[in-house]
Amino acid sequence: MNAYFVTGTNTDAGKTLVTSALLYAARRQGLSTLGLKPVASGSDATPEGLRNADALALQAQSAPGVNYDTVNPQAFAPAIAPHLAANEAGCTLSAGGLANGIHITLECHPRDLCLIEGAGGWRVPLNAAEDFADLAARLDIPVILTVGLTLGCLNHARLTAEAIAADGLTLAGWVGSVVDADFAADTPRFVANLELLEQKLGAPCLGVIPHLEDPNAEAAAGYLSLSRLTLKEPA
């Protein structure tokens, strides 16, 4: 199984769009897929229970299909930091507990490509002592970085890449996601920013998703290339 942890330079960098688009691209190539969102805050109450829009997007790109709880076992209503949402719900998140659950899920639902999406950025807390970086380290899988392309992205992207390396994990690739249309409007400066990221991040660029009027997996997938990831052949 090819499994990757998807993180971002910050909240709203475009992680879910990138994750769902990569899954869509894999499905289009005939690969089986699984998208996981272990922890999600900002969920809506439904007759079936709490449902998070990001997790639903990943569920929609998981083939063969799986139930919602497989994709998102920890859902919280308030749109706040996950550790605070968990505390308010009376539960405690731990990297070990989440990693164990993910390992069981991967055993029960083997896929050609599995993407595990974090929340916020690399250092978003899970509890007072651990953060999502600890979860990625427990899983011990390569990382895909979503770079929210806006003013300040060079610093955020480079610091995140350095933190991933310092934690002993491999940055397998990165995707640029234009979250600020004005930032990309000046083409020469925009291209110069991308060139610097390509030089400094030390991993292949899997694509750059422009600012889309209707951001969805199918539209975004057209700007991405799975060929730049080293995927093992399906068993």
Protein backbone atom coordinates (compact mmCIF):
# COMPACT_ATOMS: atom_id res chain seq x y z
CA MET A 1 0.00 0.00 0.00
CA ASN A 2 1.13 3.52 -0.79
CA ALA A 3 0.26 5.68 2.23
CA TYR A 4 1.08 9.36 2.77
CA PHE A 5 0.36 11.90 5.48
CA VAL A 6 -0.97 15.20 4.09
CA THR A 7 -0.18 18.34 6.04
CA GLY A 8 -0.36 22.04 5.27
CA THR A 9 1.52 25.24 5.86
CA ASN A 10 -1.46 26.47 7.89
CA THR A 11 -5.21 26.20 8.30
CA ASP A 12 -7.12 26.77 5.03
CA ALA A 13 -4.04 26.08 2.92
CA GLY A 14 -6.11 23.73 0.75
CA LYS A 15 -5.25 20.32 2.26
CA THR A 16 -8.64 18.77 1.62
CA LEU A 17 -8.78 19.99 -1.97
CA VAL A 18 -5.31 18.59 -2.60
CA THR A 19 -6.04 15.29 -0.83
CA SER A 20 -9.34 14.71 -2.60
CA ALA A 21 -7.83 15.73 -5.96
CA LEU A 22 -4.93 13.28 -5.57
CA LEU A 23 -7.40 10.54 -4.70
CA TYR A 24 -9.53 11.44 -7.71
CA ALA A 25 -6.45 11.31 -9.97
CA ALA A 26 -5.58 7.87 -8.59
CA ARG A 27 -9.12 6.62 -9.17
CA ARG A 28 -8.95 7.90 -12.74
CA GLN A 29 -5.88 5.69 -13.20
CA GLY A 30 -7.81 2.67 -11.97
CA LEU A 31 -6.25 2.59 -8.49
CA SER A 32 -8.19 1.81 -5.34
CA THR A 33 -8.17 4.68 -2.85
CA LEU A 34 -8.80 5.60 0.76
CA GLY A 35 -8.90 9.04 2.32
CA LEU A 36 -8.74 9.37 6.10
CA LYS A 37 -9.36 12.39 8.32
CA PRO A 38 -8.63 10.98 11.79
CA VAL A 39 -9.65 14.16 13.63
CA ALA A 40 -12.00 16.87 12.42
CA SER A 41 -13.40 19.86 14.26
CA GLY A 42 -16.04 22.10 12.74
CA SER A 43 -18.63 19.36 12.14
CA ASP A 44 -22.37 19.63 11.58
CA ALA A 45 -25.06 17.74 13.48
CA THR A 46 -27.03 15.36 11.23
CA PRO A 47 -29.48 12.51 11.93
CA GLU A 48 -26.53 10.14 11.43
CA GLY A 49 -24.27 12.04 13.84
CA LEU A 50 -21.61 14.72 13.43
CA ARG A 51 -20.37 15.12 9.88
CA ASN A 52 -17.40 17.16 8.71
CA ALA A 53 -17.32 18.58 5.18
CA ASP A 54 -13.63 17.79 4.66
CA ALA A 55 -14.09 14.19 5.78
CA LEU A 56 -17.12 13.82 3.50
CA ALA A 57 -15.00 15.01 0.57
CA LEU A 58 -12.44 12.31 1.32
CA GLN A 59 -15.14 9.68 1.76
CA ALA A 60 -16.48 10.58 -1.68
CA GLN A 61 -13.08 9.84 -3.24
CA SER A 62 -12.55 6.54 -1.42
CA ALA A 63 -13.10 3.55 -3.69
CA PRO A 64 -14.31 0.97 -2.86
CA GLY A 65 -16.54 2.98 -0.57
CA VAL A 66 -16.29 2.97 3.21
CA ASN A 67 -18.56 4.27 5.96
CA TYR A 68 -18.09 7.71 7.46
CA ASP A 69 -16.70 6.54 10.79
CA THR A 70 -13.89 4.75 8.97
CA VAL A 71 -12.83 8.03 7.38
CA ASN A 72 -13.37 10.25 10.42
CA PRO A 73 -13.47 8.44 13.77
CA GLN A 74 -13.08 11.65 15.82
CA ALA A 75 -15.51 14.43 14.87
CA PHE A 76 -16.16 17.53 16.96
CA ALA A 77 -18.72 20.29 16.50
CA PRO A 78 -16.83 23.52 17.31
CA ALA A 79 -14.56 24.91 14.61
CA ILE A 80 -11.63 25.30 17.00
CA ALA A 81 -8.27 23.63 17.59
CA PRO A 82 -8.84 19.86 17.83
CA HIS A 83 -7.33 19.47 21.29
CA LEU A 84 -9.65 22.15 22.65
CA ALA A 85 -12.66 20.60 20.89
CA ALA A 86 -11.75 17.21 22.32
CA ASN A 87 -11.40 18.65 25.82
CA GLU A 88 -14.82 20.27 25.57
CA ALA A 89 -16.28 16.95 24.43
CA GLY A 90 -14.73 15.21 27.42
CA CYS A 91 -12.24 13.07 25.56
CA THR A 92 -8.49 12.98 25.09
CA LEU A 93 -6.68 12.60 21.79
CA SER A 94 -3.36 10.76 21.62
CA ALA A 95 -0.95 10.10 18.78
CA GLY A 96 -0.65 6.46 19.80
CA GLY A 97 -4.38 5.84 19.97
CA LEU A 98 -5.03 7.51 16.61
CA ALA A 99 -2.12 5.68 14.96
CA ASN A 100 -3.33 2.31 16.25
CA GLY A 101 -6.78 2.99 14.83
CA ILE A 102 -5.31 3.99 11.47
CA HIS A 103 -3.17 0.85 11.31
CA ILE A 104 -6.25 -1.30 11.92
CA THR A 105 -8.16 0.61 9.23
CA LEU A 106 -5.36 0.11 6.72
CA GLU A 107 -5.29 -3.61 7.47
CA CYS A 108 -9.07 -3.90 7.05
CA HIS A 109 -9.24 -1.68 3.95
CA PRO A 110 -6.08 -2.19 1.87
CA ARG A 111 -5.85 0.24 -1.03
CA ASP A 112 -3.39 1.16 -3.78
CA LEU A 113 -3.25 4.71 -2.39
CA CYS A 114 -4.17 5.94 1.07
CA LEU A 115 -3.93 9.60 2.08
CA ILE A 116 -4.22 10.58 5.74
CA GLU A 117 -5.06 14.24 6.20
CA GLY A 118 -4.03 16.12 9.32
CA ALA A 119 -5.69 19.22 10.72
CA GLY A 120 -4.30 22.72 10.33
CA GLY A 121 -0.51 22.64 10.12
CA TRP A 122 2.33 20.39 11.22
CA ARG A 123 2.44 21.57 14.83
CA VAL A 124 -1.29 21.71 15.61
CA PRO A 125 -1.72 20.15 19.08
CA LEU A 126 -3.44 16.85 19.79
CA ASN A 127 -3.06 17.30 23.53
CA ALA A 128 -0.81 19.16 25.98
CA ALA A 129 2.22 17.08 25.03
CA GLU A 130 1.66 15.86 21.44
CA ASP A 131 0.75 17.32 18.08
CA PHE A 132 -0.07 16.05 14.59
CA ALA A 133 3.64 15.70 13.86
CA ASP A 134 3.71 12.99 16.52
CA LEU A 135 0.88 11.18 14.74
CA ALA A 136 2.78 11.30 11.44
CA ALA A 137 5.89 10.03 13.22
CA ARG A 138 3.94 7.12 14.75
CA LEU A 139 2.64 6.20 11.31
CA ASP A 140 6.17 6.53 9.88
CA ILE A 141 5.01 7.32 6.35
CA PRO A 142 6.13 9.97 3.83
CA VAL A 143 4.55 13.41 3.93
CA ILE A 144 2.89 15.50 1.24
CA LEU A 145 2.91 19.23 2.00
CA THR A 146 0.14 21.55 0.84
CA VAL A 147 1.54 25.06 0.43
CA GLY A 148 -1.12 27.74 0.65
CA LEU A 149 0.12 30.21 -1.95
CA THR A 150 -0.28 33.65 -0.44
CA LEU A 151 1.94 36.33 1.04
CA GLY A 152 4.17 34.67 3.64
CA CYS A 153 4.09 31.23 2.04
CA LEU A 154 7.85 31.06 1.46
CA ASN A 155 8.59 31.26 5.17
CA HIS A 156 5.72 28.95 6.17
CA ALA A 157 6.63 26.34 3.57
CA ARG A 158 10.34 26.30 4.34
CA LEU A 159 9.80 26.14 8.11
CA THR A 160 7.32 23.29 7.70
CA ALA A 161 9.67 21.34 5.43
CA GLU A 162 12.49 21.85 7.93
CA ALA A 163 10.27 20.63 10.78
CA ILE A 164 9.26 17.51 8.83
CA ALA A 165 12.93 16.68 8.22
CA ALA A 166 13.87 17.43 11.83
CA ASP A 167 11.18 14.97 12.96
CA GLY A 168 12.83 12.26 10.87
CA LEU A 169 10.18 12.01 8.16
CA THR A 170 10.47 12.23 4.39
CA LEU A 171 8.85 15.01 2.39
CA ALA A 172 7.68 13.04 -0.65
CA GLY A 173 6.27 16.02 -2.53
CA TRP A 174 4.43 19.30 -2.26
CA VAL A 175 1.44 20.91 -3.93
CA GLY A 176 0.89 24.63 -4.35
CA SER A 177 -2.66 25.80 -3.73
CA VAL A 178 -3.52 29.38 -4.67
CA VAL A 179 -5.62 30.63 -1.77
CA ASP A 180 -5.15 34.29 -2.67
CA ALA A 181 -5.97 35.09 -6.30
CA ASP A 182 -4.22 38.47 -6.06
CA PHE A 183 -0.98 36.75 -5.05
CA ALA A 184 -0.93 34.90 -8.38
CA ALA A 185 -2.04 37.87 -10.47
CA ASP A 186 1.49 39.23 -10.94
CA THR A 187 2.79 36.37 -13.07
CA PRO A 188 6.56 37.08 -13.01
CA ARG A 189 6.61 37.45 -9.21
CA PHE A 190 4.36 34.42 -8.77
CA VAL A 191 6.63 32.28 -10.94
CA ALA A 192 9.66 33.53 -9.00
CA ASN A 193 8.02 32.40 -5.75
CA LEU A 194 7.33 28.95 -7.18
CA GLU A 195 10.89 28.65 -8.44
CA LEU A 196 12.25 29.45 -4.99
CA LEU A 197 9.96 26.84 -3.41
CA GLU A 198 11.15 24.24 -5.92
CA GLN A 199 14.76 25.07 -5.04
CA LYS A 200 14.34 25.12 -1.27
CA LEU A 201 11.81 22.42 -0.38
CA GLY A 202 13.92 19.52 -1.59
CA ALA A 203 10.98 17.49 -2.91
CA PRO A 204 9.13 17.30 -6.23
CA CYS A 205 6.24 19.64 -6.92
CA LEU A 206 3.17 17.52 -7.67
CA GLY A 207 1.38 20.49 -9.21
CA VAL A 208 -0.02 23.95 -8.61
CA ILE A 209 -3.78 24.37 -8.26
CA PRO A 210 -4.99 27.84 -9.31
CA HIS A 211 -7.69 29.75 -7.49
CA LEU A 212 -10.81 27.90 -8.67
CA GLU A 213 -14.27 29.43 -8.84
CA ASP A 214 -15.69 26.02 -7.94
CA PRO A 215 -13.00 24.14 -6.01
CA ASN A 216 -13.62 20.42 -6.41
CA ALA A 217 -11.57 17.27 -6.74
CA GLU A 218 -12.17 16.73 -10.45
CA ALA A 219 -11.20 20.27 -11.43
CA ALA A 220 -8.14 20.34 -9.17
CA ALA A 221 -6.91 16.90 -10.28
CA GLY A 222 -6.18 18.27 -13.74
CA TYR A 223 -3.34 20.34 -12.30
CA LEU A 224 -1.67 17.47 -10.42
CA SER A 225 0.70 14.68 -11.40
CA LEU A 226 0.84 11.40 -9.49
CA SER A 227 3.80 10.36 -11.65
CA ARG A 228 6.07 12.48 -9.46
CA LEU A 229 5.30 10.26 -6.48
CA THR A 230 7.10 6.94 -6.23
CA LEU A 231 4.08 4.63 -6.10
CA LYS A 232 4.46 0.91 -5.63
CA GLU A 233 2.65 -1.22 -8.17
CA PRO A 234 -0.74 -2.57 -7.02
CA ALA A 235 -0.45 -6.03 -5.47
